[in-house]
Each structure stands twice: as C-alpha cells, then as structure tokens.
Amino acid sequence: MIHSNWIVSIMTIVSHLFFISIAFWWIQDIHIERYIRMHESQAKVMIVMLSVVFGFICSSFFIDVVNAILGLTTFTKSL
C-alpha cells in the first residue's frame, strides 16, 4: 500500500476540521455563559478555543488509532 504525503495531509486536515466542528456543535449546546460570568464576546471566544482543543485531541486520537491499525496490518503481511 503506497501512502502519499499529500493524501495523509489532506486526511489529517479533514479529520481535524470534522472533529473541531463536532466539538463546536457540542460545546454550544452546553451554554457556558450560564455557568461562568463573562461577557458574550468572551464566551464566544472561549467556545471557539475549547472547540479547537477538544477537536484536535479527538482527531489526534483517531488518527493515531488508524495509524496503529495500518501499522499492524503492514506488520502481519510481512510475516
């Protein structure tokens, strides 16, 4: 199986954007501004930043699992 660097890069970007958008959708439903006193603009920035953090962490985990599975399949084919 041949992996091109540009394919991996595109898949990584798509994965990050997907998980960040899922995290943004999820965090918006929590309504953080109800629980923490802050201005509306500050709450929006906090939601975006938390979305990036949680989305990146989830995406990195997903990508690592996929890479581990690909590594195992390559290893078992070489036996």
N, C-alpha and C. Protein backbone atom coordinates (compact mmCIF):
# COMPACT_ATOMS: atom_id res chain seq x y z
N MET A 1 0.85 -1.17 0.00
CA MET A 1 0.00 0.00 0.00
C MET A 1 0.90 1.23 0.00
N ILE A 2 0.72 2.09 -0.97
CA ILE A 2 1.52 3.29 -1.09
C ILE A 2 0.76 4.47 -0.52
N HIS A 3 1.38 5.18 0.44
CA HIS A 3 0.76 6.36 1.04
C HIS A 3 1.52 7.59 0.58
N SER A 4 0.83 8.50 -0.06
CA SER A 4 1.46 9.75 -0.44
C SER A 4 1.32 10.74 0.70
N ASN A 5 2.31 11.59 0.82
CA ASN A 5 2.28 12.58 1.90
C ASN A 5 1.10 13.53 1.76
N TRP A 6 0.73 13.88 0.54
CA TRP A 6 -0.37 14.83 0.38
C TRP A 6 -1.70 14.20 0.75
N ILE A 7 -1.86 12.92 0.55
CA ILE A 7 -3.11 12.25 0.95
C ILE A 7 -3.22 12.24 2.47
N VAL A 8 -2.14 11.93 3.13
CA VAL A 8 -2.13 11.91 4.60
C VAL A 8 -2.40 13.31 5.14
N SER A 9 -1.80 14.32 4.51
CA SER A 9 -2.01 15.70 4.94
C SER A 9 -3.47 16.12 4.79
N ILE A 10 -4.07 15.79 3.67
CA ILE A 10 -5.48 16.14 3.43
C ILE A 10 -6.38 15.41 4.42
N MET A 11 -6.11 14.15 4.66
CA MET A 11 -6.92 13.39 5.61
C MET A 11 -6.77 13.95 7.02
N THR A 12 -5.59 14.40 7.39
CA THR A 12 -5.37 14.99 8.71
C THR A 12 -6.14 16.29 8.84
N ILE A 13 -6.08 17.14 7.83
CA ILE A 13 -6.81 18.42 7.87
C ILE A 13 -8.31 18.18 7.94
N VAL A 14 -8.81 17.26 7.13
CA VAL A 14 -10.24 16.96 7.14
C VAL A 14 -10.67 16.40 8.50
N SER A 15 -9.86 15.53 9.07
CA SER A 15 -10.17 14.97 10.38
C SER A 15 -10.20 16.04 11.45
N HIS A 16 -9.20 16.92 11.46
CA HIS A 16 -9.17 18.00 12.44
C HIS A 16 -10.39 18.90 12.31
N LEU A 17 -10.70 19.31 11.09
CA LEU A 17 -11.86 20.19 10.88
C LEU A 17 -13.17 19.52 11.27
N PHE A 18 -13.29 18.23 10.96
CA PHE A 18 -14.50 17.49 11.31
C PHE A 18 -14.69 17.43 12.82
N PHE A 19 -13.64 17.05 13.54
CA PHE A 19 -13.77 16.91 14.99
C PHE A 19 -13.90 18.27 15.68
N ILE A 20 -13.27 19.31 15.13
CA ILE A 20 -13.44 20.65 15.70
C ILE A 20 -14.87 21.12 15.51
N SER A 21 -15.47 20.84 14.35
CA SER A 21 -16.86 21.25 14.13
C SER A 21 -17.82 20.47 15.03
N ILE A 22 -17.55 19.19 15.27
CA ILE A 22 -18.37 18.40 16.19
C ILE A 22 -18.25 18.95 17.61
N ALA A 23 -17.02 19.28 18.02
CA ALA A 23 -16.80 19.84 19.36
C ALA A 23 -17.48 21.20 19.50
N PHE A 24 -17.43 22.02 18.46
CA PHE A 24 -18.07 23.33 18.49
C PHE A 24 -19.58 23.17 18.65
N TRP A 25 -20.17 22.26 17.91
CA TRP A 25 -21.61 21.99 17.98
C TRP A 25 -21.98 21.52 19.39
N TRP A 26 -21.14 20.66 19.96
CA TRP A 26 -21.41 20.10 21.28
C TRP A 26 -21.27 21.17 22.36
N ILE A 27 -20.21 21.96 22.31
CA ILE A 27 -19.96 22.96 23.35
C ILE A 27 -20.99 24.08 23.30
N GLN A 28 -21.48 24.42 22.12
CA GLN A 28 -22.50 25.46 22.02
C GLN A 28 -23.78 25.05 22.76
N ASP A 29 -24.10 23.77 22.74
CA ASP A 29 -25.30 23.30 23.42
C ASP A 29 -25.18 23.34 24.94
N ILE A 30 -23.96 23.44 25.47
CA ILE A 30 -23.77 23.49 26.91
C ILE A 30 -24.12 24.86 27.48
N HIS A 31 -23.95 25.92 26.69
CA HIS A 31 -24.20 27.31 27.11
C HIS A 31 -23.34 27.67 28.32
N ILE A 32 -22.05 27.74 28.07
CA ILE A 32 -21.06 28.04 29.11
C ILE A 32 -21.35 29.37 29.80
N GLU A 33 -21.86 30.31 29.05
CA GLU A 33 -22.09 31.65 29.62
C GLU A 33 -23.08 31.64 30.78
N ARG A 34 -23.88 30.59 30.91
CA ARG A 34 -24.81 30.47 32.04
C ARG A 34 -24.08 30.13 33.34
N TYR A 35 -22.96 29.42 33.21
CA TYR A 35 -22.26 28.91 34.38
C TYR A 35 -21.06 29.77 34.79
N ILE A 36 -20.49 30.50 33.86
CA ILE A 36 -19.33 31.33 34.15
C ILE A 36 -19.67 32.77 33.78
N ARG A 37 -19.42 33.68 34.71
CA ARG A 37 -19.71 35.09 34.45
C ARG A 37 -18.67 35.66 33.50
N MET A 38 -19.11 36.08 32.33
CA MET A 38 -18.23 36.71 31.37
C MET A 38 -19.08 37.41 30.32
N HIS A 39 -18.45 38.29 29.58
CA HIS A 39 -19.16 38.97 28.51
C HIS A 39 -19.47 38.00 27.39
N GLU A 40 -20.45 38.34 26.58
CA GLU A 40 -20.86 37.45 25.49
C GLU A 40 -19.72 37.20 24.51
N SER A 41 -18.96 38.24 24.19
CA SER A 41 -17.84 38.06 23.26
C SER A 41 -16.76 37.15 23.84
N GLN A 42 -16.53 37.26 25.15
CA GLN A 42 -15.56 36.38 25.79
C GLN A 42 -16.03 34.94 25.77
N ALA A 43 -17.31 34.74 25.97
CA ALA A 43 -17.87 33.37 25.94
C ALA A 43 -17.73 32.77 24.55
N LYS A 44 -17.94 33.58 23.52
CA LYS A 44 -17.80 33.07 22.14
C LYS A 44 -16.37 32.66 21.84
N VAL A 45 -15.41 33.48 22.28
CA VAL A 45 -14.00 33.15 22.07
C VAL A 45 -13.64 31.88 22.84
N MET A 46 -14.15 31.77 24.06
CA MET A 46 -13.88 30.58 24.87
C MET A 46 -14.45 29.33 24.20
N ILE A 47 -15.62 29.41 23.65
CA ILE A 47 -16.24 28.28 22.96
C ILE A 47 -15.39 27.86 21.77
N VAL A 48 -14.93 28.83 20.99
CA VAL A 48 -14.09 28.51 19.83
C VAL A 48 -12.79 27.86 20.27
N MET A 49 -12.15 28.41 21.29
CA MET A 49 -10.87 27.86 21.75
C MET A 49 -11.04 26.45 22.33
N LEU A 50 -12.08 26.25 23.12
CA LEU A 50 -12.33 24.90 23.65
C LEU A 50 -12.66 23.92 22.54
N SER A 51 -13.36 24.37 21.53
CA SER A 51 -13.68 23.51 20.39
C SER A 51 -12.41 23.06 19.67
N VAL A 52 -11.49 23.99 19.49
CA VAL A 52 -10.22 23.65 18.83
C VAL A 52 -9.44 22.65 19.68
N VAL A 53 -9.39 22.87 20.98
CA VAL A 53 -8.64 21.97 21.87
C VAL A 53 -9.25 20.57 21.86
N PHE A 54 -10.54 20.47 22.14
CA PHE A 54 -11.19 19.15 22.19
C PHE A 54 -11.21 18.48 20.83
N GLY A 55 -11.46 19.24 19.78
CA GLY A 55 -11.48 18.67 18.43
C GLY A 55 -10.12 18.14 18.02
N PHE A 56 -9.07 18.90 18.33
CA PHE A 56 -7.71 18.46 17.98
C PHE A 56 -7.33 17.20 18.75
N ILE A 57 -7.67 17.15 20.03
CA ILE A 57 -7.33 15.97 20.83
C ILE A 57 -8.06 14.74 20.31
N CYS A 58 -9.35 14.86 20.02
CA CYS A 58 -10.11 13.72 19.50
C CYS A 58 -9.61 13.30 18.13
N SER A 59 -9.31 14.27 17.28
CA SER A 59 -8.81 13.96 15.94
C SER A 59 -7.45 13.27 16.01
N SER A 60 -6.57 13.75 16.87
CA SER A 60 -5.25 13.13 17.02
C SER A 60 -5.38 11.70 17.51
N PHE A 61 -6.29 11.46 18.44
CA PHE A 61 -6.52 10.10 18.91
C PHE A 61 -7.00 9.21 17.77
N PHE A 62 -7.96 9.69 17.00
CA PHE A 62 -8.50 8.93 15.88
C PHE A 62 -7.41 8.62 14.86
N ILE A 63 -6.60 9.61 14.53
CA ILE A 63 -5.53 9.41 13.55
C ILE A 63 -4.50 8.42 14.07
N ASP A 64 -4.16 8.49 15.36
CA ASP A 64 -3.21 7.55 15.95
C ASP A 64 -3.74 6.12 15.92
N VAL A 65 -5.02 5.95 16.19
CA VAL A 65 -5.62 4.60 16.14
C VAL A 65 -5.56 4.06 14.71
N VAL A 66 -5.91 4.88 13.73
CA VAL A 66 -5.86 4.44 12.34
C VAL A 66 -4.43 4.09 11.93
N ASN A 67 -3.45 4.91 12.33
CA ASN A 67 -2.05 4.61 12.02
C ASN A 67 -1.59 3.33 12.69
N ALA A 68 -2.04 3.08 13.91
CA ALA A 68 -1.68 1.84 14.60
C ALA A 68 -2.26 0.63 13.90
N ILE A 69 -3.50 0.74 13.45
CA ILE A 69 -4.13 -0.37 12.72
C ILE A 69 -3.41 -0.62 11.41
N LEU A 70 -3.06 0.46 10.69
CA LEU A 70 -2.32 0.30 9.44
C LEU A 70 -0.95 -0.32 9.68
N GLY A 71 -0.31 0.08 10.78
CA GLY A 71 0.98 -0.49 11.12
C GLY A 71 0.88 -1.98 11.43
N LEU A 72 -0.19 -2.36 12.13
CA LEU A 72 -0.39 -3.79 12.44
C LEU A 72 -0.67 -4.61 11.19
N THR A 73 -1.45 -4.07 10.28
CA THR A 73 -1.75 -4.82 9.06
C THR A 73 -0.50 -4.94 8.20
N THR A 74 0.33 -3.92 8.18
CA THR A 74 1.59 -4.00 7.42
C THR A 74 2.52 -5.01 8.08
N PHE A 75 2.55 -5.03 9.40
CA PHE A 75 3.39 -5.97 10.13
C PHE A 75 2.95 -7.41 9.88
N THR A 76 1.63 -7.67 9.93
CA THR A 76 1.16 -9.04 9.75
C THR A 76 1.35 -9.51 8.32
N LYS A 77 1.33 -8.60 7.35
CA LYS A 77 1.56 -9.00 5.95
C LYS A 77 3.03 -9.36 5.72
N SER A 78 3.93 -8.79 6.50
CA SER A 78 5.35 -9.08 6.32
C SER A 78 5.75 -10.41 6.95
N LEU A 79 4.89 -11.00 7.77
CA LEU A 79 5.22 -12.28 8.41
C LEU A 79 5.09 -13.40 7.48
